[in-house]
C-alpha cells in the first residue's frame, strides 16, 4: 500500500518543522523535523517500510523504531485525511 498526499493540503515549512493545512476542513497539523522528512518521502516511497528504511539510514536509528514512528504518523495523517492510502 502506498500513500498520496491529499491535494487540498497545503504544506508550509517552518524553522524546526512544518504545518499542514487542509483547505477543505481548515484543520491544521504540526510536524516536527522527523515528520517533515516522512512527509517529503511519501511521494517517492512505495510503502511505510520503504519510508522507514530511508529514515533509518538518514537519522541512524534502529529500523524497527523508525518503522513504528512512520506507521504511527501515517495512521494519524490518514485518520485526519491529510493523506490517502491507495493499493496497488
PDB file of N, CA and C in Angstrom:
ATOM      1  N   UNK A   1       0.841  -1.181   0.000  1.00  0.00           N
ATOM      2  CA  UNK A   1       0.000   0.000   0.000  1.00  0.00           C
ATOM      3  C   UNK A   1       0.886   1.244   0.000  1.00  0.00           C
ATOM      4  N   UNK A   2       0.499   2.179  -0.812  1.00  0.00           N
ATOM      5  CA  UNK A   2       1.229   3.441  -0.781  1.00  0.00           C
ATOM      6  C   UNK A   2       0.273   4.577  -0.450  1.00  0.00           C
ATOM      7  N   UNK A   3       0.852   5.696  -0.130  1.00  0.00           N
ATOM      8  CA  UNK A   3       0.081   6.855   0.299  1.00  0.00           C
ATOM      9  C   UNK A   3       0.277   7.994  -0.687  1.00  0.00           C
ATOM     10  N   UNK A   4      -0.759   8.799  -0.797  1.00  0.00           N
ATOM     11  CA  UNK A   4      -0.691  10.006  -1.610  1.00  0.00           C
ATOM     12  C   UNK A   4      -1.175  11.170  -0.767  1.00  0.00           C
ATOM     13  N   UNK A   5      -0.564  12.292  -0.957  1.00  0.00           N
ATOM     14  CA  UNK A   5      -0.956  13.483  -0.213  1.00  0.00           C
ATOM     15  C   UNK A   5      -2.301  13.984  -0.728  1.00  0.00           C
ATOM     16  N   UNK A   6      -3.138  14.397   0.191  1.00  0.00           N
ATOM     17  CA  UNK A   6      -4.417  14.986  -0.168  1.00  0.00           C
ATOM     18  C   UNK A   6      -4.126  16.292  -0.913  1.00  0.00           C
ATOM     19  N   UNK A   7      -4.656  16.467  -2.127  1.00  0.00           N
ATOM     20  CA  UNK A   7      -4.346  17.675  -2.898  1.00  0.00           C
ATOM     21  C   UNK A   7      -4.860  18.976  -2.265  1.00  0.00           C
ATOM     22  N   UNK A   8      -5.790  18.889  -1.331  1.00  0.00           N
ATOM     23  CA  UNK A   8      -6.290  20.111  -0.690  1.00  0.00           C
ATOM     24  C   UNK A   8      -5.448  20.511   0.524  1.00  0.00           C
ATOM     25  N   UNK A   9      -4.344  19.798   0.755  1.00  0.00           N
ATOM     26  CA  UNK A   9      -3.471  20.103   1.894  1.00  0.00           C
ATOM     27  C   UNK A   9      -2.307  20.980   1.434  1.00  0.00           C
ATOM     28  N   UNK A  10      -2.119  22.072   2.168  1.00  0.00           N
ATOM     29  CA  UNK A  10      -1.017  22.996   1.909  1.00  0.00           C
ATOM     30  C   UNK A  10       0.071  22.730   2.949  1.00  0.00           C
ATOM     31  N   UNK A  11       1.299  22.636   2.482  1.00  0.00           N
ATOM     32  CA  UNK A  11       2.460  22.358   3.331  1.00  0.00           C
ATOM     33  C   UNK A  11       3.284  23.633   3.460  1.00  0.00           C
ATOM     34  N   UNK A  12       3.550  24.051   4.695  1.00  0.00           N
ATOM     35  CA  UNK A  12       4.386  25.227   4.936  1.00  0.00           C
ATOM     36  C   UNK A  12       5.497  24.845   5.891  1.00  0.00           C
ATOM     37  N   UNK A  13       6.721  24.946   5.404  1.00  0.00           N
ATOM     38  CA  UNK A  13       7.867  24.588   6.230  1.00  0.00           C
ATOM     39  C   UNK A  13       8.225  25.751   7.153  1.00  0.00           C
ATOM     40  N   UNK A  14       8.540  25.397   8.390  1.00  0.00           N
ATOM     41  CA  UNK A  14       8.948  26.365   9.402  1.00  0.00           C
ATOM     42  C   UNK A  14      10.405  26.114   9.763  1.00  0.00           C
ATOM     43  N   UNK A  15      10.929  26.875  10.719  1.00  0.00           N
ATOM     44  CA  UNK A  15      12.336  26.727  11.102  1.00  0.00           C
ATOM     45  C   UNK A  15      12.643  25.326  11.627  1.00  0.00           C
ATOM     46  N   UNK A  16      11.765  24.786  12.479  1.00  0.00           N
ATOM     47  CA  UNK A  16      12.007  23.452  13.052  1.00  0.00           C
ATOM     48  C   UNK A  16      10.782  22.583  12.901  1.00  0.00           C
ATOM     49  N   UNK A  17      10.324  22.423  11.681  1.00  0.00           N
ATOM     50  CA  UNK A  17       9.154  21.599  11.431  1.00  0.00           C
ATOM     51  C   UNK A  17       8.335  22.148  10.289  1.00  0.00           C
ATOM     52  N   UNK A  18       7.026  21.866  10.331  1.00  0.00           N
ATOM     53  CA  UNK A  18       6.140  22.328   9.267  1.00  0.00           C
ATOM     54  C   UNK A  18       4.701  22.280   9.758  1.00  0.00           C
ATOM     55  N   UNK A  19       3.840  22.930   8.994  1.00  0.00           N
ATOM     56  CA  UNK A  19       2.400  22.919   9.249  1.00  0.00           C
ATOM     57  C   UNK A  19       1.720  22.371   7.996  1.00  0.00           C
ATOM     58  N   UNK A  20       0.772  21.480   8.195  1.00  0.00           N
ATOM     59  CA  UNK A  20      -0.087  21.019   7.117  1.00  0.00           C
ATOM     60  C   UNK A  20      -1.452  21.648   7.357  1.00  0.00           C
ATOM     61  N   UNK A  21      -2.028  22.232   6.328  1.00  0.00           N
ATOM     62  CA  UNK A  21      -3.348  22.839   6.438  1.00  0.00           C
ATOM     63  C   UNK A  21      -4.254  22.252   5.369  1.00  0.00           C
ATOM     64  N   UNK A  22      -5.350  21.640   5.801  1.00  0.00           N
ATOM     65  CA  UNK A  22      -6.356  21.116   4.875  1.00  0.00           C
ATOM     66  C   UNK A  22      -7.301  22.267   4.547  1.00  0.00           C
ATOM     67  N   UNK A  23      -7.262  22.734   3.318  1.00  0.00           N
ATOM     68  CA  UNK A  23      -8.069  23.879   2.918  1.00  0.00           C
ATOM     69  C   UNK A  23      -9.565  23.578   2.920  1.00  0.00           C
ATOM     70  N   UNK A  24      -9.930  22.297   2.807  1.00  0.00           N
ATOM     71  CA  UNK A  24     -11.348  21.924   2.820  1.00  0.00           C
ATOM     72  C   UNK A  24     -11.938  21.997   4.224  1.00  0.00           C
ATOM     73  N   UNK A  25     -11.186  21.506   5.209  1.00  0.00           N
ATOM     74  CA  UNK A  25     -11.707  21.425   6.580  1.00  0.00           C
ATOM     75  C   UNK A  25     -11.161  22.514   7.495  1.00  0.00           C
ATOM     76  N   UNK A  26     -10.126  23.232   7.048  1.00  0.00           N
ATOM     77  CA  UNK A  26      -9.416  24.242   7.851  1.00  0.00           C
ATOM     78  C   UNK A  26      -8.660  23.619   9.025  1.00  0.00           C
ATOM     79  N   UNK A  27      -8.486  22.296   8.989  1.00  0.00           N
ATOM     80  CA  UNK A  27      -7.742  21.574  10.017  1.00  0.00           C
ATOM     81  C   UNK A  27      -6.248  21.763   9.751  1.00  0.00           C
ATOM     82  N   UNK A  28      -5.480  22.029  10.810  1.00  0.00           N
ATOM     83  CA  UNK A  28      -4.038  22.101  10.627  1.00  0.00           C
ATOM     84  C   UNK A  28      -3.329  21.107  11.537  1.00  0.00           C
ATOM     85  N   UNK A  29      -2.154  20.697  11.111  1.00  0.00           N
ATOM     86  CA  UNK A  29      -1.404  19.643  11.773  1.00  0.00           C
ATOM     87  C   UNK A  29       0.056  20.071  11.816  1.00  0.00           C
ATOM     88  N   UNK A  30       0.673  19.985  12.978  1.00  0.00           N
ATOM     89  CA  UNK A  30       2.089  20.326  13.136  1.00  0.00           C
ATOM     90  C   UNK A  30       2.967  19.102  12.917  1.00  0.00           C
ATOM     91  N   UNK A  31       4.054  19.289  12.202  1.00  0.00           N
ATOM     92  CA  UNK A  31       5.053  18.239  12.009  1.00  0.00           C
ATOM     93  C   UNK A  31       6.371  18.683  12.630  1.00  0.00           C
ATOM     94  N   UNK A  32       7.039  17.747  13.332  1.00  0.00           N
ATOM     95  CA  UNK A  32       8.397  18.038  13.796  1.00  0.00           C
ATOM     96  C   UNK A  32       9.366  17.736  12.649  1.00  0.00           C
ATOM     97  N   UNK A  33      10.644  17.844  12.896  1.00  0.00           N
ATOM     98  CA  UNK A  33      11.627  17.658  11.826  1.00  0.00           C
ATOM     99  C   UNK A  33      11.564  16.258  11.212  1.00  0.00           C
ATOM    100  N   UNK A  34      11.359  15.247  12.034  1.00  0.00           N
ATOM    101  CA  UNK A  34      11.235  13.884  11.518  1.00  0.00           C
ATOM    102  C   UNK A  34       9.957  13.745  10.699  1.00  0.00           C
ATOM    103  N   UNK A  35       8.879  14.333  11.180  1.00  0.00           N
ATOM    104  CA  UNK A  35       7.618  14.313  10.450  1.00  0.00           C
ATOM    105  C   UNK A  35       7.737  14.984   9.091  1.00  0.00           C
ATOM    106  N   UNK A  36       8.512  16.067   9.039  1.00  0.00           N
ATOM    107  CA  UNK A  36       8.757  16.756   7.768  1.00  0.00           C
ATOM    108  C   UNK A  36       9.429  15.803   6.787  1.00  0.00           C
ATOM    109  N   UNK A  37      10.425  15.079   7.267  1.00  0.00           N
ATOM    110  CA  UNK A  37      11.149  14.161   6.372  1.00  0.00           C
ATOM    111  C   UNK A  37      10.231  13.033   5.902  1.00  0.00           C
ATOM    112  N   UNK A  38       9.400  12.527   6.790  1.00  0.00           N
ATOM    113  CA  UNK A  38       8.435  11.489   6.399  1.00  0.00           C
ATOM    114  C   UNK A  38       7.494  12.048   5.333  1.00  0.00           C
ATOM    115  N   UNK A  39       7.000  13.259   5.529  1.00  0.00           N
ATOM    116  CA  UNK A  39       6.109  13.909   4.556  1.00  0.00           C
ATOM    117  C   UNK A  39       6.801  14.020   3.195  1.00  0.00           C
ATOM    118  N   UNK A  40       8.074  14.387   3.201  1.00  0.00           N
ATOM    119  CA  UNK A  40       8.829  14.525   1.959  1.00  0.00           C
ATOM    120  C   UNK A  40       9.019  13.177   1.264  1.00  0.00           C
ATOM    121  N   UNK A  41       9.197  12.121   2.051  1.00  0.00           N
ATOM    122  CA  UNK A  41       9.464  10.795   1.482  1.00  0.00           C
ATOM    123  C   UNK A  41       8.215  10.092   0.963  1.00  0.00           C
ATOM    124  N   UNK A  42       7.041  10.538   1.374  1.00  0.00           N
ATOM    125  CA  UNK A  42       5.796   9.890   0.944  1.00  0.00           C
ATOM    126  C   UNK A  42       5.695   9.832  -0.578  1.00  0.00           C
ATOM    127  N   UNK A  43       6.115  10.881  -1.257  1.00  0.00           N
ATOM    128  CA  UNK A  43       5.986  10.950  -2.708  1.00  0.00           C
ATOM    129  C   UNK A  43       6.746   9.855  -3.447  1.00  0.00           C
ATOM    130  N   UNK A  44       7.909   9.488  -2.938  1.00  0.00           N
ATOM    131  CA  UNK A  44       8.772   8.566  -3.663  1.00  0.00           C
ATOM    132  C   UNK A  44       8.778   7.141  -3.118  1.00  0.00           C
ATOM    133  N   UNK A  45       8.084   6.905  -2.035  1.00  0.00           N
ATOM    134  CA  UNK A  45       8.124   5.584  -1.404  1.00  0.00           C
ATOM    135  C   UNK A  45       6.934   4.734  -1.825  1.00  0.00           C
ATOM    136  N   UNK A  46       7.161   3.438  -1.887  1.00  0.00           N
ATOM    137  CA  UNK A  46       6.088   2.501  -2.216  1.00  0.00           C
ATOM    138  C   UNK A  46       5.210   2.211  -1.012  1.00  0.00           C
ATOM    139  N   UNK A  47       5.817   2.234   0.193  1.00  0.00           N
ATOM    140  CA  UNK A  47       5.055   1.905   1.396  1.00  0.00           C
ATOM    141  C   UNK A  47       5.792   2.415   2.642  1.00  0.00           C
ATOM    142  N   UNK A  48       5.178   2.168   3.801  1.00  0.00           N
ATOM    143  CA  UNK A  48       5.733   2.652   5.062  1.00  0.00           C
ATOM    144  C   UNK A  48       7.118   2.075   5.334  1.00  0.00           C
ATOM    145  N   UNK A  49       7.341   0.820   4.981  1.00  0.00           N
ATOM    146  CA  UNK A  49       8.645   0.210   5.263  1.00  0.00           C
ATOM    147  C   UNK A  49       9.762   0.862   4.441  1.00  0.00           C
ATOM    148  N   UNK A  50       9.448   1.300   3.243  1.00  0.00           N
ATOM    149  CA  UNK A  50      10.458   1.984   2.430  1.00  0.00           C
ATOM    150  C   UNK A  50      10.784   3.359   3.019  1.00  0.00           C
ATOM    151  N   UNK A  51       9.773   4.071   3.500  1.00  0.00           N
ATOM    152  CA  UNK A  51      10.000   5.354   4.167  1.00  0.00           C
ATOM    153  C   UNK A  51      10.869   5.124   5.405  1.00  0.00           C
ATOM    154  N   UNK A  52      10.526   4.113   6.193  1.00  0.00           N
ATOM    155  CA  UNK A  52      11.268   3.811   7.423  1.00  0.00           C
ATOM    156  C   UNK A  52      12.712   3.437   7.128  1.00  0.00           C
ATOM    157  N   UNK A  53      12.921   2.688   6.066  1.00  0.00           N
ATOM    158  CA  UNK A  53      14.282   2.286   5.691  1.00  0.00           C
ATOM    159  C   UNK A  53      15.133   3.520   5.392  1.00  0.00           C
ATOM    160  N   UNK A  54      14.581   4.458   4.632  1.00  0.00           N
ATOM    161  CA  UNK A  54      15.310   5.683   4.305  1.00  0.00           C
ATOM    162  C   UNK A  54      15.552   6.518   5.562  1.00  0.00           C
ATOM    163  N   UNK A  55      14.553   6.605   6.411  1.00  0.00           N
ATOM    164  CA  UNK A  55      14.683   7.361   7.655  1.00  0.00           C
ATOM    165  C   UNK A  55      15.744   6.757   8.558  1.00  0.00           C
ATOM    166  N   UNK A  56      15.752   5.446   8.637  1.00  0.00           N
ATOM    167  CA  UNK A  56      16.707   4.734   9.473  1.00  0.00           C
ATOM    168  C   UNK A  56      18.137   5.055   9.050  1.00  0.00           C
ATOM    169  N   UNK A  57      18.363   5.077   7.742  1.00  0.00           N
ATOM    170  CA  UNK A  57      19.697   5.400   7.231  1.00  0.00           C
ATOM    171  C   UNK A  57      20.063   6.862   7.477  1.00  0.00           C
ATOM    172  N   UNK A  58      19.124   7.769   7.201  1.00  0.00           N
ATOM    173  CA  UNK A  58      19.404   9.201   7.316  1.00  0.00           C
ATOM    174  C   UNK A  58      19.621   9.653   8.763  1.00  0.00           C
ATOM    175  N   UNK A  59      18.814   9.129   9.677  1.00  0.00           N
ATOM    176  CA  UNK A  59      18.880   9.565  11.065  1.00  0.00           C
ATOM    177  C   UNK A  59      19.646   8.593  11.956  1.00  0.00           C
ATOM    178  N   UNK A  60      20.156   7.507  11.362  1.00  0.00           N
ATOM    179  CA  UNK A  60      20.928   6.499  12.087  1.00  0.00           C
ATOM    180  C   UNK A  60      20.177   6.001  13.312  1.00  0.00           C
ATOM    181  N   UNK A  61      18.937   5.548  13.089  1.00  0.00           N
ATOM    182  CA  UNK A  61      18.121   4.975  14.155  1.00  0.00           C
ATOM    183  C   UNK A  61      17.786   3.533  13.799  1.00  0.00           C
ATOM    184  N   UNK A  62      17.399   2.788  14.806  1.00  0.00           N
ATOM    185  CA  UNK A  62      17.007   1.403  14.635  1.00  0.00           C
ATOM    186  C   UNK A  62      15.850   1.314  13.629  1.00  0.00           C
ATOM    187  N   UNK A  63      15.926   0.368  12.715  1.00  0.00           N
ATOM    188  CA  UNK A  63      14.915   0.257  11.661  1.00  0.00           C
ATOM    189  C   UNK A  63      13.527  -0.052  12.211  1.00  0.00           C
ATOM    190  N   UNK A  64      13.434  -0.826  13.291  1.00  0.00           N
ATOM    191  CA  UNK A  64      12.132  -1.138  13.874  1.00  0.00           C
ATOM    192  C   UNK A  64      11.514   0.094  14.547  1.00  0.00           C
ATOM    193  N   UNK A  65      12.356   0.901  15.193  1.00  0.00           N
ATOM    194  CA  UNK A  65      11.860   2.144  15.795  1.00  0.00           C
ATOM    195  C   UNK A  65      11.409   3.116  14.708  1.00  0.00           C
ATOM    196  N   UNK A  66      12.173   3.174  13.624  1.00  0.00           N
ATOM    197  CA  UNK A  66      11.812   4.050  12.508  1.00  0.00           C
ATOM    198  C   UNK A  66      10.476   3.608  11.911  1.00  0.00           C
ATOM    199  N   UNK A  67      10.301   2.305  11.724  1.00  0.00           N
ATOM    200  CA  UNK A  67       9.055   1.794  11.154  1.00  0.00           C
ATOM    201  C   UNK A  67       7.865   2.110  12.058  1.00  0.00           C
ATOM    202  N   UNK A  68       8.031   1.938  13.355  1.00  0.00           N
ATOM    203  CA  UNK A  68       6.949   2.240  14.293  1.00  0.00           C
ATOM    204  C   UNK A  68       6.573   3.720  14.221  1.00  0.00           C
ATOM    205  N   UNK A  69       7.569   4.593  14.152  1.00  0.00           N
ATOM    206  CA  UNK A  69       7.310   6.033  14.055  1.00  0.00           C
ATOM    207  C   UNK A  69       6.609   6.391  12.753  1.00  0.00           C
ATOM    208  N   UNK A  70       7.066   5.813  11.664  1.00  0.00           N
ATOM    209  CA  UNK A  70       6.469   6.082  10.356  1.00  0.00           C
ATOM    210  C   UNK A  70       5.020   5.611  10.335  1.00  0.00           C
ATOM    211  N   UNK A  71       4.780   4.395  10.803  1.00  0.00           N
ATOM    212  CA  UNK A  71       3.422   3.864  10.797  1.00  0.00           C
ATOM    213  C   UNK A  71       2.490   4.708  11.664  1.00  0.00           C
ATOM    214  N   UNK A  72       2.973   5.127  12.811  1.00  0.00           N
ATOM    215  CA  UNK A  72       2.164   5.942  13.719  1.00  0.00           C
ATOM    216  C   UNK A  72       1.782   7.269  13.053  1.00  0.00           C
ATOM    217  N   UNK A  73       2.751   7.931  12.423  1.00  0.00           N
ATOM    218  CA  UNK A  73       2.465   9.206  11.775  1.00  0.00           C
ATOM    219  C   UNK A  73       1.537   9.017  10.573  1.00  0.00           C
ATOM    220  N   UNK A  74       1.806   8.007   9.751  1.00  0.00           N
ATOM    221  CA  UNK A  74       0.958   7.781   8.578  1.00  0.00           C
ATOM    222  C   UNK A  74      -0.485   7.473   8.976  1.00  0.00           C
ATOM    223  N   UNK A  75      -0.656   6.698  10.027  1.00  0.00           N
ATOM    224  CA  UNK A  75      -2.010   6.399  10.506  1.00  0.00           C
ATOM    225  C   UNK A  75      -2.717   7.669  10.962  1.00  0.00           C
ATOM    226  N   UNK A  76      -1.992   8.535  11.656  1.00  0.00           N
ATOM    227  CA  UNK A  76      -2.572   9.782  12.133  1.00  0.00           C
ATOM    228  C   UNK A  76      -2.905  10.713  10.963  1.00  0.00           C
ATOM    229  N   UNK A  77      -2.000  10.815  10.010  1.00  0.00           N
ATOM    230  CA  UNK A  77      -2.252  11.649   8.834  1.00  0.00           C
ATOM    231  C   UNK A  77      -3.440  11.128   8.036  1.00  0.00           C
ATOM    232  N   UNK A  78      -3.535   9.802   7.921  1.00  0.00           N
ATOM    233  CA  UNK A  78      -4.657   9.207   7.192  1.00  0.00           C
ATOM    234  C   UNK A  78      -5.973   9.448   7.934  1.00  0.00           C
ATOM    235  N   UNK A  79      -5.962   9.278   9.245  1.00  0.00           N
ATOM    236  CA  UNK A  79      -7.161   9.492  10.062  1.00  0.00           C
ATOM    237  C   UNK A  79      -7.679  10.923   9.897  1.00  0.00           C
ATOM    238  N   UNK A  80      -6.756  11.857   9.750  1.00  0.00           N
ATOM    239  CA  UNK A  80      -7.115  13.276   9.594  1.00  0.00           C
ATOM    240  C   UNK A  80      -7.254  13.690   8.124  1.00  0.00           C
ATOM    241  N   UNK A  81      -7.231  12.710   7.236  1.00  0.00           N
ATOM    242  CA  UNK A  81      -7.444  12.898   5.792  1.00  0.00           C
ATOM    243  C   UNK A  81      -6.411  13.813   5.136  1.00  0.00           C
ATOM    244  N   UNK A  82      -5.209  13.822   5.685  1.00  0.00           N
ATOM    245  CA  UNK A  82      -4.140  14.602   5.101  1.00  0.00           C
ATOM    246  C   UNK A  82      -3.405  13.796   4.038  1.00  0.00           C
ATOM    247  N   UNK A  83      -3.496  12.483   4.141  1.00  0.00           N
ATOM    248  CA  UNK A  83      -3.003  11.565   3.118  1.00  0.00           C
ATOM    249  C   UNK A  83      -4.080  10.520   2.858  1.00  0.00           C
ATOM    250  N   UNK A  84      -3.950   9.859   1.702  1.00  0.00           N
ATOM    251  CA  UNK A  84      -4.913   8.836   1.310  1.00  0.00           C
ATOM    252  C   UNK A  84      -4.145   7.576   0.954  1.00  0.00           C
ATOM    253  N   UNK A  85      -4.586   6.451   1.484  1.00  0.00           N
ATOM    254  CA  UNK A  85      -3.933   5.166   1.191  1.00  0.00           C
ATOM    255  C   UNK A  85      -4.529   4.602  -0.100  1.00  0.00           C
ATOM    256  N   UNK A  86      -3.633   4.111  -0.969  1.00  0.00           N
ATOM    257  CA  UNK A  86      -4.081   3.501  -2.214  1.00  0.00           C
ATOM    258  C   UNK A  86      -3.374   2.169  -2.397  1.00  0.00           C
ATOM    259  N   UNK A  87      -4.113   1.171  -2.789  1.00  0.00           N
ATOM    260  CA  UNK A  87      -3.496  -0.140  -3.012  1.00  0.00           C
ATOM    261  C   UNK A  87      -3.025  -0.229  -4.448  1.00  0.00           C
ATOM    262  N   UNK A  88      -2.014  -1.079  -4.610  1.00  0.00           N
ATOM    263  CA  UNK A  88      -1.518  -1.335  -5.952  1.00  0.00           C
ATOM    264  C   UNK A  88      -0.529  -0.396  -6.355  1.00  0.00           C
TER     265      UNK A  88
END
